[in-house]
Amino acid sequence: MQWRTIVRYGAYPLVFGGAAAGVFAAADAAHTAGLRLALTAAGGLLAVALLERLQPFRPEWNQDHGDTWTDAIHLLVNLGLLSAAAGLLHALAGALPATAPWPRHWPVGVQIIAAGAVVDLGLYAMHRLSHRIAWLWRLHAIHHSAERLYWMNGERRHPLSAVLLAGPGLAATALLGAPPAVVSAWLTLLTVHLAFQHANLDYSLGPLRGILGVAESHRWHHKREYEDAEVNFGEFWLLWDRLFGTYRDPRTPLAANAVGLREAGFPATYAAQWRWPFARRTGRPPPA
């Protein structure tokens, strides 16, 4: 088997599978869980970044578009927000009623997947609303302003948008009584998955591309033509898109210049992008 084929079909199973193994082990290690989860996330991100250089989907997207440092700041800020959210969940865990219905007797791996389903449904709902409500779109537009897709795009979000997207799902897991370590474990897996979802990597999941929100399907969500991009909102699973009629699976390759926003002159620096939603409206209102 050629190396290119190994990368194409083995990259996601090997890297994400390795991250999942590390996460499941860390969830049972109370005193070192935080460090283990951080190292797992860092290792997964590094692997995706290196694989992009080895086998890019679009070589042009590996070139700096004046966005690398800005995206690095987005990455650090939003990973910091995830860490803060995990810390808040730990701080509030003792305040939850003893009657919370979370199935703590389930195996930890099953609990992590269950927490992921709750978080992912909240993300899907808020993601769709961010394409429908004007002020939410102004915050979310920063994510769509990228002129290329690569591993750091997964965290290219206004911090307020990141909070609003994840907030309902995280609040639901807390109210249900999910252990903070379980939710933190899922957030670690989601971090690695989002790097794959936006990766400039020529990889494939075969028939699973219709189940998991990987790059093959998600790239179409970033099309410059806004009307064509109202598809494949799912962050991890595409089950929600299938249930609510937003799933699409075009088979034609996406051109290198096909992603971004129609609006010209979108700011390039982090500070300017942070201010942009409050300084002006987009020229394109969300559809009715």
Protein backbone atom coordinates (compact mmCIF):
# COMPACT_ATOMS: atom_id res chain seq x y z
CA MET A 1 0.00 0.00 0.00
CA GLN A 2 1.36 3.41 -0.96
CA TRP A 3 2.13 6.02 1.69
CA ARG A 4 -0.39 8.43 0.16
CA THR A 5 -3.17 5.86 0.56
CA ILE A 6 -2.15 5.19 4.16
CA VAL A 7 -2.39 8.90 4.98
CA ARG A 8 -5.64 9.32 3.06
CA TYR A 9 -7.52 6.56 4.85
CA GLY A 10 -5.51 6.18 8.06
CA ALA A 11 -4.89 9.75 9.23
CA TYR A 12 -8.20 10.33 11.00
CA PRO A 13 -8.63 6.84 12.50
CA LEU A 14 -5.06 6.76 13.80
CA VAL A 15 -4.79 10.32 15.13
CA PHE A 16 -8.32 10.70 16.44
CA GLY A 17 -8.32 7.11 17.69
CA GLY A 18 -5.08 7.77 19.55
CA ALA A 19 -6.55 10.92 21.04
CA ALA A 20 -9.65 9.01 22.12
CA ALA A 21 -7.52 6.37 23.83
CA GLY A 22 -5.60 9.07 25.67
CA VAL A 23 -8.80 10.87 26.66
CA PHE A 24 -10.50 7.74 28.00
CA ALA A 25 -7.42 6.94 30.07
CA ALA A 26 -7.17 10.51 31.38
CA ALA A 27 -10.82 10.60 32.43
CA ASP A 28 -10.02 7.90 35.03
CA ALA A 29 -6.89 9.66 36.32
CA ALA A 30 -8.24 12.28 38.70
CA HIS A 31 -4.99 13.94 39.75
CA THR A 32 -3.31 14.18 36.35
CA ALA A 33 -6.36 14.36 34.07
CA GLY A 34 -5.93 18.04 33.17
CA LEU A 35 -2.30 17.63 32.10
CA ARG A 36 -3.04 14.45 30.16
CA LEU A 37 -5.94 16.06 28.31
CA ALA A 38 -3.83 19.10 27.43
CA LEU A 39 -1.03 16.91 26.08
CA THR A 40 -3.53 14.82 24.11
CA ALA A 41 -5.03 17.91 22.49
CA ALA A 42 -1.58 19.35 21.70
CA GLY A 43 -0.42 16.06 20.19
CA GLY A 44 -3.52 15.78 18.01
CA LEU A 45 -3.21 19.35 16.74
CA LEU A 46 0.48 18.90 15.97
CA ALA A 47 -0.22 15.67 14.07
CA VAL A 48 -2.85 17.36 11.87
CA ALA A 49 -0.55 20.33 11.20
CA LEU A 50 2.29 18.04 10.12
CA LEU A 51 0.05 15.84 7.96
CA GLU A 52 -1.16 18.93 6.09
CA ARG A 53 2.41 19.59 5.00
CA LEU A 54 2.86 16.00 3.93
CA GLN A 55 -0.35 15.62 1.91
CA PRO A 56 -2.32 18.87 1.41
CA PHE A 57 -5.81 18.96 -0.10
CA ARG A 58 -4.97 22.31 -1.74
CA PRO A 59 -1.24 23.23 -1.78
CA GLU A 60 -2.24 26.92 -2.04
CA TRP A 61 -3.88 26.71 1.39
CA ASN A 62 -0.54 25.85 2.99
CA GLN A 63 0.74 29.30 2.05
CA ASP A 64 0.33 32.13 4.54
CA HIS A 65 -2.55 34.44 3.57
CA GLY A 66 -1.59 37.08 6.10
CA ASP A 67 -3.69 35.15 8.62
CA THR A 68 -1.34 32.77 10.45
CA TRP A 69 -0.56 34.95 13.46
CA THR A 70 -4.18 36.07 13.73
CA ASP A 71 -5.38 32.47 13.66
CA ALA A 72 -2.77 31.50 16.26
CA ILE A 73 -4.20 34.14 18.62
CA HIS A 74 -7.73 32.87 17.94
CA LEU A 75 -6.50 29.36 18.75
CA LEU A 76 -4.89 30.35 22.05
CA VAL A 77 -7.81 32.52 23.16
CA ASN A 78 -10.48 29.94 22.39
CA LEU A 79 -8.54 27.02 23.87
CA GLY A 80 -8.17 29.20 26.94
CA LEU A 81 -11.93 29.67 26.99
CA LEU A 82 -12.40 25.89 26.82
CA SER A 83 -10.04 25.47 29.77
CA ALA A 84 -11.93 28.14 31.69
CA ALA A 85 -15.23 26.40 30.92
CA ALA A 86 -13.81 23.12 32.22
CA GLY A 87 -12.61 24.86 35.37
CA LEU A 88 -16.02 26.44 35.90
CA LEU A 89 -17.72 23.05 35.55
CA HIS A 90 -15.39 21.63 38.19
CA ALA A 91 -16.09 24.57 40.50
CA LEU A 92 -19.86 24.19 40.15
CA ALA A 93 -19.93 20.39 40.37
CA GLY A 94 -20.51 20.38 44.13
CA ALA A 95 -23.50 22.70 43.82
CA LEU A 96 -25.54 20.32 41.66
CA PRO A 97 -28.41 18.44 43.31
CA ALA A 98 -27.77 14.83 44.22
CA THR A 99 -30.81 13.87 42.16
CA ALA A 100 -29.25 14.95 38.83
CA PRO A 101 -30.10 12.18 36.34
CA TRP A 102 -26.69 11.64 34.77
CA PRO A 103 -25.89 7.88 34.47
CA ARG A 104 -22.63 7.85 36.42
CA HIS A 105 -22.72 4.05 36.56
CA TRP A 106 -22.12 3.83 32.79
CA PRO A 107 -18.59 3.09 31.54
CA VAL A 108 -16.60 6.31 31.29
CA GLY A 109 -16.22 6.00 27.50
CA VAL A 110 -19.98 5.78 27.06
CA GLN A 111 -20.46 8.78 29.35
CA ILE A 112 -18.02 10.81 27.24
CA ILE A 113 -19.95 9.99 24.06
CA ALA A 114 -23.26 10.81 25.78
CA ALA A 115 -21.91 14.18 26.93
CA GLY A 116 -20.66 14.75 23.40
CA ALA A 117 -24.14 14.16 21.99
CA VAL A 118 -25.63 16.78 24.34
CA VAL A 119 -22.90 19.33 23.60
CA ASP A 120 -23.05 18.66 19.86
CA LEU A 121 -26.81 19.16 19.64
CA GLY A 122 -26.42 22.51 21.39
CA LEU A 123 -23.65 23.47 18.98
CA TYR A 124 -25.77 22.54 15.98
CA ALA A 125 -28.73 24.61 17.20
CA MET A 126 -26.62 27.67 17.97
CA HIS A 127 -24.69 27.28 14.72
CA ARG A 128 -27.89 27.40 12.69
CA LEU A 129 -29.14 30.38 14.66
CA SER A 130 -25.82 32.10 13.96
CA HIS A 131 -26.70 31.92 10.26
CA ARG A 132 -30.22 33.25 10.84
CA ILE A 133 -30.01 36.03 13.43
CA ALA A 134 -28.18 39.14 12.24
CA TRP A 135 -26.21 39.98 15.39
CA LEU A 136 -25.16 36.36 15.86
CA TRP A 137 -24.06 36.24 12.23
CA ARG A 138 -21.85 39.31 12.69
CA LEU A 139 -20.00 37.45 15.44
CA HIS A 140 -19.91 34.18 13.50
CA ALA A 141 -18.85 35.78 10.20
CA ILE A 142 -15.26 35.92 11.47
CA HIS A 143 -15.15 32.13 11.28
CA HIS A 144 -16.30 32.26 7.65
CA SER A 145 -13.95 35.08 6.67
CA ALA A 146 -11.00 32.69 6.21
CA GLU A 147 -9.74 32.62 2.61
CA ARG A 148 -8.29 29.15 3.09
CA LEU A 149 -9.05 26.13 5.26
CA TYR A 150 -6.38 24.57 7.44
CA TRP A 151 -5.97 23.12 10.92
CA MET A 152 -6.22 26.39 12.87
CA ASN A 153 -9.51 27.47 11.27
CA GLY A 154 -11.44 25.32 13.71
CA GLU A 155 -10.75 27.88 16.43
CA ARG A 156 -11.02 31.00 14.26
CA ARG A 157 -14.01 32.42 16.15
CA HIS A 158 -14.88 35.60 17.94
CA PRO A 159 -14.68 34.71 21.65
CA LEU A 160 -18.27 35.83 22.20
CA SER A 161 -19.38 33.59 19.35
CA ALA A 162 -17.44 30.67 20.87
CA VAL A 163 -19.18 31.21 24.23
CA LEU A 164 -22.62 31.50 22.67
CA LEU A 165 -22.10 28.42 20.49
CA ALA A 166 -20.91 26.16 23.28
CA GLY A 167 -22.81 27.66 26.22
CA PRO A 168 -26.23 25.93 25.89
CA GLY A 169 -24.78 22.44 25.40
CA LEU A 170 -22.31 22.83 28.29
CA ALA A 171 -25.05 24.20 30.54
CA ALA A 172 -27.24 21.22 29.67
CA THR A 173 -24.51 18.72 30.60
CA ALA A 174 -23.98 20.54 33.90
CA LEU A 175 -27.70 20.51 34.74
CA LEU A 176 -27.90 16.82 33.88
CA GLY A 177 -25.05 16.18 36.32
CA ALA A 178 -22.34 15.05 33.90
CA PRO A 179 -18.98 14.78 35.71
CA PRO A 180 -16.70 17.68 34.76
CA ALA A 181 -13.91 15.23 33.84
CA VAL A 182 -16.24 13.60 31.31
CA VAL A 183 -17.16 16.94 29.71
CA SER A 184 -13.50 18.03 29.67
CA ALA A 185 -12.61 14.77 27.95
CA TRP A 186 -15.18 15.43 25.24
CA LEU A 187 -13.96 18.99 24.72
CA THR A 188 -10.45 17.61 24.20
CA LEU A 189 -11.70 15.21 21.54
CA LEU A 190 -13.70 18.00 19.91
CA THR A 191 -10.56 20.16 19.71
CA VAL A 192 -8.74 17.47 17.73
CA HIS A 193 -11.79 16.80 15.57
CA LEU A 194 -12.22 20.50 14.68
CA ALA A 195 -8.62 20.56 13.46
CA PHE A 196 -9.48 17.66 11.14
CA GLN A 197 -12.80 19.24 10.16
CA HIS A 198 -11.02 22.29 8.74
CA ALA A 199 -7.76 20.59 7.79
CA ASN A 200 -6.02 21.21 4.50
CA LEU A 201 -5.40 17.48 4.37
CA ASP A 202 -6.27 15.09 1.57
CA TYR A 203 -7.97 12.43 3.69
CA SER A 204 -11.19 10.46 3.54
CA LEU A 205 -13.49 8.57 5.88
CA GLY A 206 -15.24 6.73 3.08
CA PRO A 207 -18.90 6.08 3.96
CA LEU A 208 -18.39 7.65 7.41
CA ARG A 209 -18.17 11.06 5.71
CA GLY A 210 -21.97 11.08 5.89
CA ILE A 211 -21.97 10.49 9.65
CA LEU A 212 -19.08 12.54 11.02
CA GLY A 213 -18.57 16.23 10.26
CA VAL A 214 -15.14 15.92 8.65
CA ALA A 215 -13.46 18.11 6.05
CA GLU A 216 -14.96 16.29 3.05
CA SER A 217 -18.43 17.54 3.96
CA HIS A 218 -17.63 20.61 6.05
CA ARG A 219 -15.62 22.43 3.39
CA TRP A 220 -18.91 23.09 1.59
CA HIS A 221 -20.16 24.95 4.64
CA HIS A 222 -17.42 27.53 3.98
CA LYS A 223 -18.33 28.29 0.37
CA ARG A 224 -18.09 31.95 -0.58
CA GLU A 225 -21.64 31.85 -1.97
CA TYR A 226 -23.56 32.18 1.26
CA GLU A 227 -26.69 30.58 -0.19
CA ASP A 228 -24.75 27.37 -0.96
CA ALA A 229 -23.13 27.27 2.47
CA GLU A 230 -26.30 26.66 4.49
CA VAL A 231 -25.41 22.99 4.85
CA ASN A 232 -23.51 20.60 7.14
CA PHE A 233 -23.69 22.61 10.36
CA GLY A 234 -22.79 19.67 12.60
CA GLU A 235 -19.58 20.11 14.55
CA PHE A 236 -18.95 16.43 15.24
CA TRP A 237 -21.95 14.43 14.02
CA LEU A 238 -23.97 15.03 10.88
CA LEU A 239 -26.94 13.26 12.44
CA TRP A 240 -28.53 16.62 13.24
CA ASP A 241 -28.14 17.80 9.63
CA ARG A 242 -29.79 14.63 8.42
CA LEU A 243 -32.66 14.98 10.90
CA PHE A 244 -33.30 18.65 10.14
CA GLY A 245 -32.70 18.70 6.40
CA THR A 246 -29.39 20.57 6.18
CA TYR A 247 -27.17 17.68 5.08
CA ARG A 248 -25.56 17.81 1.63
CA ASP A 249 -22.83 15.65 0.12
CA PRO A 250 -21.50 17.19 -3.10
CA ARG A 251 -18.86 14.97 -4.68
CA THR A 252 -17.06 17.56 -6.81
CA PRO A 253 -13.79 18.99 -5.40
CA LEU A 254 -13.95 22.45 -3.88
CA ALA A 255 -11.74 25.02 -5.63
CA ALA A 256 -8.99 26.76 -3.67
CA ASN A 257 -10.58 30.20 -4.17
CA ALA A 258 -14.11 29.07 -3.30
CA VAL A 259 -14.09 29.75 0.46
CA GLY A 260 -14.47 32.96 2.43
CA LEU A 261 -16.93 35.85 2.34
CA ARG A 262 -18.17 37.91 -0.58
CA GLU A 263 -17.35 41.11 1.30
CA ALA A 264 -13.97 42.57 0.33
CA GLY A 265 -11.54 44.08 2.78
CA PHE A 266 -12.33 41.95 5.83
CA PRO A 267 -9.85 42.92 8.59
CA ALA A 268 -6.79 40.73 8.96
CA THR A 269 -5.58 41.43 12.51
CA TYR A 270 -7.04 39.86 15.63
CA ALA A 271 -7.88 43.18 17.28
CA ALA A 272 -9.67 44.43 14.17
CA GLN A 273 -11.60 41.18 13.85
CA TRP A 274 -12.59 41.39 17.53
CA ARG A 275 -14.01 44.91 16.96
CA TRP A 276 -15.57 44.23 13.57
CA PRO A 277 -18.97 42.86 14.71
CA PHE A 278 -19.58 45.99 16.80
CA ALA A 279 -18.31 48.51 14.24
CA ARG A 280 -20.39 47.65 11.21
CA ARG A 281 -22.95 45.27 9.77
CA THR A 282 -22.24 42.81 7.01
CA GLY A 283 -23.52 43.72 3.59
CA ARG A 284 -25.39 40.42 3.44
CA PRO A 285 -28.19 39.84 5.95
CA PRO A 286 -28.97 36.27 6.93
CA PRO A 287 -31.75 34.77 4.76
CA ALA A 288 -35.28 34.63 6.07
